Protein backbone atom coordinates (compact mmCIF):
# COMPACT_ATOMS: atom_id res chain seq x y z
CA MET A 1 -106.63 10.93 3.88
CA ILE A 2 -107.50 8.73 6.82
CA LEU A 3 -105.86 5.25 7.07
CA GLU A 4 -108.06 2.42 8.09
CA PRO A 5 -107.23 0.62 11.31
CA LYS A 6 -106.32 -2.51 9.34
CA VAL A 7 -103.57 -0.66 7.42
CA LEU A 8 -102.21 0.92 10.54
CA SER A 9 -101.82 -2.50 12.11
CA GLN A 10 -99.80 -3.72 9.09
CA VAL A 11 -97.13 -0.92 9.10
CA PRO A 12 -94.89 -2.32 11.84
CA GLN A 13 -94.83 -5.72 10.21
CA PHE A 14 -93.74 -4.15 6.91
CA VAL A 15 -90.92 -2.25 8.60
CA LEU A 16 -89.82 -5.39 10.38
CA ALA A 17 -89.76 -7.28 7.12
CA GLN A 18 -87.55 -4.62 5.52
CA GLN A 19 -85.18 -4.71 8.46
CA SER A 20 -84.99 -8.50 8.32
CA THR A 21 -84.21 -8.38 4.60
CA ALA A 22 -81.43 -5.80 5.12
CA ALA A 23 -79.93 -7.85 7.92
CA ALA A 24 -80.00 -10.95 5.75
CA GLN A 25 -78.24 -9.07 2.95
CA LEU A 26 -75.57 -7.82 5.34
CA ALA A 27 -75.08 -11.33 6.66
CA ASP A 28 -74.72 -12.65 3.11
CA LYS A 29 -72.15 -9.98 2.27
CA ALA A 30 -70.20 -10.72 5.43
CA GLU A 31 -70.27 -14.41 4.68
CA GLN A 32 -69.06 -13.73 1.13
CA LYS A 33 -66.20 -11.57 2.44
CA ILE A 34 -65.26 -14.27 4.93
CA GLU A 35 -65.28 -16.85 2.16
CA GLN A 36 -63.15 -14.57 -0.06
CA ALA A 37 -60.70 -13.98 2.78
CA THR A 38 -60.56 -17.68 3.49
CA ASP A 39 -59.95 -18.45 -0.18
CA ARG A 40 -57.23 -15.75 -0.34
CA ALA A 41 -55.55 -17.12 2.77
CA ALA A 42 -55.69 -20.61 1.31
CA GLN A 43 -54.15 -19.36 -1.92
CA LEU A 44 -51.37 -17.54 -0.03
CA TRP A 45 -50.74 -20.65 2.04
CA LYS A 46 -50.45 -22.74 -1.09
CA ILE A 47 -48.08 -20.18 -2.63
CA ALA A 48 -46.02 -20.14 0.58
CA GLN A 49 -45.89 -23.92 0.59
CA THR A 50 -44.81 -23.92 -3.06
CA TYR A 51 -42.06 -21.38 -2.44
CA ALA A 52 -41.00 -23.16 0.74
CA ILE A 53 -40.74 -26.46 -1.09
CA GLU A 54 -38.88 -24.82 -3.97
CA PHE A 55 -36.55 -22.43 -2.14
CA THR A 56 -35.89 -24.10 1.22
CA PRO A 57 -33.21 -26.41 -0.24
CA LYS A 58 -31.72 -23.46 -2.10
CA VAL A 59 -31.64 -21.28 1.02
CA LEU A 60 -30.09 -24.06 3.07
CA GLY A 61 -27.58 -24.69 0.28
CA ALA A 62 -26.75 -20.97 0.11
CA ILE A 63 -26.18 -20.87 3.86
CA VAL A 64 -23.87 -23.87 3.62
CA VAL A 65 -22.00 -22.31 0.67
CA LEU A 66 -21.61 -19.00 2.52
CA PHE A 67 -20.32 -20.80 5.62
CA ILE A 68 -17.82 -22.79 3.55
CA THR A 69 -16.83 -19.64 1.64
CA TRP A 70 -16.26 -17.68 4.86
CA THR A 71 -14.20 -20.50 6.35
CA LEU A 72 -12.18 -20.97 3.17
CA ALA A 73 -11.56 -17.21 2.83
CA ASN A 74 -10.21 -16.94 6.37
CA TRP A 75 -8.08 -20.05 5.90
CA ALA A 76 -6.68 -18.69 2.61
CA ARG A 77 -5.80 -15.38 4.28
CA ARG A 78 -3.93 -17.13 7.10
CA PHE A 79 -2.19 -19.51 4.69
CA LEU A 80 -1.03 -16.71 2.37
CA SER A 81 0.05 -14.53 5.30
CA ARG A 82 2.25 -17.28 6.75
CA GLY A 83 3.70 -18.17 3.36
CA MET A 84 4.56 -14.58 2.44
CA GLU A 85 5.96 -13.88 5.89
CA ARG A 86 8.27 -16.88 5.49
CA ALA A 87 9.31 -15.41 2.14
CA SER A 88 10.31 -12.23 4.06
CA LEU A 89 7.87 -10.00 2.20
CA ASP A 90 6.93 -6.65 3.66
CA VAL A 91 4.15 -6.70 6.27
CA THR A 92 2.12 -4.09 4.37
CA LEU A 93 2.20 -6.16 1.19
CA VAL A 94 1.40 -9.36 3.09
CA ARG A 95 -1.73 -7.85 4.62
CA PHE A 96 -2.84 -6.28 1.34
CA LEU A 97 -2.51 -9.47 -0.73
CA ALA A 98 -3.99 -11.71 1.98
CA ASN A 99 -7.05 -9.49 2.40
CA ALA A 100 -7.45 -9.17 -1.38
CA ALA A 101 -7.49 -12.98 -1.71
CA ARG A 102 -10.03 -13.24 1.12
CA TYR A 103 -12.40 -10.71 -0.44
CA ALA A 104 -12.06 -12.37 -3.86
CA ILE A 105 -13.13 -15.73 -2.41
CA ILE A 106 -16.08 -14.14 -0.60
CA VAL A 107 -17.26 -12.43 -3.81
CA LEU A 108 -17.07 -15.71 -5.70
CA GLY A 109 -19.09 -17.43 -2.96
CA VAL A 110 -21.79 -14.73 -3.03
CA LEU A 111 -22.04 -14.98 -6.82
CA ALA A 112 -22.39 -18.76 -6.55
CA CYS A 113 -25.25 -18.31 -4.07
CA LEU A 114 -26.99 -15.79 -6.32
CA SER A 115 -26.81 -18.17 -9.26
CA THR A 116 -28.70 -20.84 -7.28
CA PHE A 117 -31.69 -18.46 -7.03
CA GLY A 118 -31.86 -18.00 -10.79
CA LEU A 119 -30.18 -14.59 -10.96
CA ASN A 120 -28.16 -13.82 -14.07
CA VAL A 121 -24.67 -13.80 -12.64
CA THR A 122 -23.10 -13.09 -16.03
CA SER A 123 -24.92 -9.76 -16.29
CA PHE A 124 -23.99 -8.98 -12.70
CA ILE A 125 -20.32 -9.66 -13.42
CA ALA A 126 -20.52 -7.49 -16.54
CA ILE A 127 -21.95 -4.64 -14.49
CA LEU A 128 -19.22 -5.04 -11.86
CA SER A 129 -16.59 -5.08 -14.60
CA ALA A 130 -17.97 -1.89 -16.12
CA VAL A 131 -18.07 -0.20 -12.72
CA GLY A 132 -14.54 -1.40 -11.97
CA LEU A 133 -13.32 -0.08 -15.31
CA ALA A 134 -14.91 3.32 -14.67
CA ILE A 135 -13.39 3.49 -11.19
CA GLY A 136 -10.03 2.39 -12.58
CA LEU A 137 -10.05 5.12 -15.22
CA ALA A 138 -11.04 7.72 -12.66
CA LEU A 139 -8.34 6.60 -10.22
CA GLN A 140 -5.66 5.54 -12.67
CA GLY A 141 -3.10 7.89 -11.11
CA THR A 142 -3.77 6.54 -7.62
CA LEU A 143 -3.86 2.96 -8.83
CA SER A 144 -0.51 3.45 -10.55
CA HIS A 145 0.95 4.50 -7.19
CA VAL A 146 -0.57 1.39 -5.60
CA ALA A 147 0.88 -0.83 -8.34
CA SER A 148 4.28 0.83 -7.92
CA GLY A 149 4.04 0.36 -4.16
CA ILE A 150 3.35 -3.35 -4.62
CA MET A 151 6.34 -3.66 -6.97
CA LEU A 152 8.56 -1.83 -4.46
CA LEU A 153 7.42 -4.13 -1.66
CA ILE A 154 7.99 -7.24 -3.81
CA PHE A 155 11.40 -6.38 -5.31
CA ARG A 156 12.53 -4.33 -2.29
CA PRO A 157 15.19 -2.06 -3.83
CA PHE A 158 15.35 -0.49 -0.38
CA LYS A 159 13.90 -1.12 3.07
CA VAL A 160 13.05 0.88 6.15
CA GLY A 161 16.21 2.36 7.65
CA ASP A 162 18.16 2.56 4.36
CA THR A 163 19.70 5.82 3.20
CA VAL A 164 18.57 6.45 -0.36
CA ILE A 165 18.50 9.04 -3.11
CA ILE A 166 15.13 9.00 -4.90
CA SER A 167 13.41 11.69 -6.96
CA GLY A 168 16.21 14.10 -6.11
CA GLN A 169 15.75 13.64 -2.36
CA THR A 170 18.31 12.12 0.01
CA GLY A 171 17.18 10.67 3.31
CA VAL A 172 16.54 7.68 5.51
CA VAL A 173 13.50 5.56 4.64
CA ASP A 174 10.99 5.84 7.48
CA GLU A 175 8.00 3.98 6.00
CA ILE A 176 6.99 2.25 2.77
CA GLU A 177 3.24 2.26 2.11
CA LEU A 178 1.13 1.27 -0.89
CA PHE A 179 0.63 4.87 -2.02
CA SER A 180 3.81 6.64 -0.95
CA THR A 181 7.23 6.34 0.70
CA THR A 182 8.36 8.57 3.57
CA LEU A 183 11.92 9.85 3.99
CA ASP A 184 13.61 11.71 6.83
CA THR A 185 16.40 14.00 5.65
CA ALA A 186 19.59 14.87 7.52
CA ASP A 187 18.19 18.30 8.42
CA ARG A 188 15.08 16.69 9.99
CA ARG A 189 12.64 17.20 7.11
CA ARG A 190 9.87 14.70 6.42
CA VAL A 191 9.57 14.04 2.67
CA ILE A 192 6.64 12.03 1.27
CA ILE A 193 7.14 10.79 -2.30
CA PRO A 194 4.44 9.04 -4.40
CA ASN A 195 5.47 5.51 -5.28
CA GLY A 196 4.80 6.10 -8.96
CA ALA A 197 7.51 8.75 -9.04
CA ILE A 198 9.93 6.39 -7.25
CA PHE A 199 9.44 3.25 -9.31
CA GLY A 200 9.75 5.16 -12.59
CA SER A 201 13.03 6.88 -11.67
CA THR A 202 16.59 5.98 -10.68
CA ILE A 203 16.96 4.68 -7.12
CA THR A 204 20.30 5.01 -5.35
CA ASN A 205 20.55 2.92 -2.19
CA LEU A 206 23.46 4.18 -0.11
CA SER A 207 22.95 1.52 2.57
CA HIS A 208 22.62 -1.60 0.42
CA HIS A 209 26.23 -2.71 1.00
CA PRO A 210 27.53 -2.76 4.58
CA VAL A 211 30.86 -1.29 3.41
CA ARG A 212 31.27 1.70 1.11
CA ILE A 213 34.36 3.40 -0.32
CA ALA A 214 35.10 6.83 1.09
CA THR A 215 37.18 8.86 -1.38
CA ILE A 216 38.58 12.38 -1.05
CA LYS A 217 40.90 14.52 -3.16
CA VAL A 218 44.19 15.67 -1.63
CA ALA A 219 46.41 18.32 -3.19
CA VAL A 220 50.20 17.93 -2.95
CA ALA A 221 52.94 20.42 -3.91
CA ILE A 222 53.88 20.15 -7.57
CA GLY A 223 57.54 19.34 -6.97
CA THR A 224 56.83 16.43 -4.61
CA ASP A 225 58.14 13.02 -5.60
CA ALA A 226 55.24 10.70 -6.51
CA SER A 227 56.51 7.82 -4.38
CA THR A 228 56.87 10.10 -1.36
CA ALA A 229 53.36 11.50 -1.79
CA ARG A 230 51.94 8.02 -2.23
CA ARG A 231 53.68 6.73 0.90
CA VAL A 232 52.50 9.64 3.07
CA LEU A 233 48.91 9.42 1.87
CA LEU A 234 48.77 5.62 2.19
CA GLU A 235 50.05 5.86 5.76
CA ALA A 236 47.40 8.42 6.66
CA ALA A 237 44.67 6.33 5.01
CA GLY A 238 45.88 3.20 6.81
CA ASN A 239 45.67 4.99 10.16
CA VAL A 240 42.02 5.83 9.47
CA ALA A 241 41.25 2.25 8.40
CA ASN A 242 42.86 0.79 11.53
CA ALA A 243 41.42 3.32 13.98
CA GLY A 244 38.23 1.29 14.50
CA GLN A 245 35.97 4.33 14.25
CA GLY A 246 34.09 3.34 11.12
CA GLY A 247 37.02 2.63 8.79
CA VAL A 248 37.70 -0.96 7.66
CA THR A 249 40.83 -2.70 6.37
CA ASP A 250 39.01 -4.77 3.72
CA PRO A 251 39.15 -3.47 1.05
CA LYS A 252 42.62 -2.01 1.54
CA PRO A 253 43.17 1.76 1.32
CA THR A 254 44.24 3.00 -2.12
CA VAL A 255 45.93 6.13 -3.45
CA ALA A 256 45.93 7.21 -7.10
CA LEU A 257 47.14 10.33 -8.90
CA ALA A 258 44.11 12.05 -10.44
CA GLU A 259 45.44 15.41 -11.73
CA ALA A 260 48.82 16.96 -12.43
CA GLY A 261 48.75 20.73 -12.73
CA VAL A 262 49.59 23.65 -10.51
CA ALA A 263 49.32 21.08 -7.72
CA HIS A 264 49.18 17.32 -7.95
CA VAL A 265 45.78 16.00 -6.87
CA TRP A 266 45.52 12.50 -5.48
CA ASN A 267 42.43 10.35 -4.85
CA VAL A 268 42.64 8.73 -1.42
CA SER A 269 40.13 5.94 -0.72
CA VAL A 270 39.31 4.02 2.46
CA GLY A 271 36.67 1.35 3.14
CA ALA A 272 34.00 2.65 5.51
CA GLN A 273 31.03 1.21 7.32
CA ALA A 274 27.90 2.43 5.53
CA MET A 275 26.37 3.83 8.71
CA LYS A 276 29.56 5.81 9.53
CA PHE A 277 30.45 6.95 6.02
CA ASP A 278 30.37 10.69 6.77
CA SER A 279 32.46 10.22 9.88
CA VAL A 280 35.13 8.33 7.92
CA ILE A 281 35.20 11.10 5.29
CA GLU A 282 35.87 13.61 8.05
CA GLN A 283 38.59 11.46 9.66
CA LEU A 284 40.28 10.90 6.30
CA THR A 285 40.25 14.61 5.46
CA LEU A 286 41.82 15.53 8.79
CA ALA A 287 44.40 12.71 8.68
CA THR A 288 45.61 13.42 5.14
CA GLY A 289 45.75 17.15 5.77
CA ALA A 290 47.87 16.63 8.88
CA ALA A 291 50.10 14.09 7.11
CA VAL A 292 50.75 16.34 4.10
CA GLY A 293 51.54 19.27 6.40
CA SER A 294 53.91 17.20 8.58
CA ALA A 295 55.76 15.84 5.54
CA GLY A 296 56.19 19.35 4.13
CA ILE A 297 54.52 18.50 0.84
CA ALA A 298 51.46 20.70 1.18
CA PRO A 299 50.81 22.95 -1.83
CA ALA A 300 51.74 26.61 -1.50
CA PRO A 301 48.85 28.83 -0.51
CA PRO A 302 47.52 31.09 -3.25
CA VAL A 303 49.17 34.52 -3.47
CA THR A 304 47.24 37.67 -4.25
CA LEU A 305 49.25 40.36 -6.07
CA VAL A 306 48.22 43.95 -5.51
CA ARG A 307 49.58 46.54 -7.92
CA ASN A 308 49.49 50.25 -7.35
CA VAL A 309 48.79 51.82 -10.67
CA GLY A 310 49.11 55.56 -10.76
């Protein structure tokens, strides 16, 4: 098939027309996309303006509330710390309660800010309560020690430096913490006792009173006159009280007959400074022993009889 010259001359024009149509379609599509993008940007701008108008006051209010909350929390911590320090509460307890009050105020301020944005604070509090209950049940043993530690720091049955008997242990209190109390024993052992075990048991504070009564038992020969024994023992006890090495004259030394058997046993008591109690016991034992020996009223030593059977 042979194309006529007239047809051949029309082919380039046809191709050009197709190309022009395709370009026009592409331009229309591009223009439509630009219009869509412009409309989308306008919609986003309107949404942003709406949110800005609606939430800007709330955001500014939240910032102000958080600033006031932070300032009030720090002020409350300082105020409580000074007040409890003036009340002579323990430093550990002062810091714990002051920080707890500070965090409580901060949490309340955050919840107030969340409520301004339409969040359901009641549900949030319920969730926190449930989580707190679960944690409390899981840590009830530890929390009981903390509660006992707080009670010990508030009521202060003993303080650092006191000699105490707690949970069957005797020692000097080295530190009182929220979870446990640390003792140092006479033989240089460090004993750590949970506060729950302390607060639920009997506490004996050997250092609470500045003066204690040191009492020993002294045996006297059975035939000794009571007045003579009393005079000798009182004189020995008075020497210890007046020696100025831990003994005191108030209360006055006392002597009382405790047992009457193979040998008469007397209770001899002298007031002693709490920090030198053991030393006074030693002085009193030596003084009464020497006095009984010098007066010739010491009990006869035990005699062992050996029989030869055979």
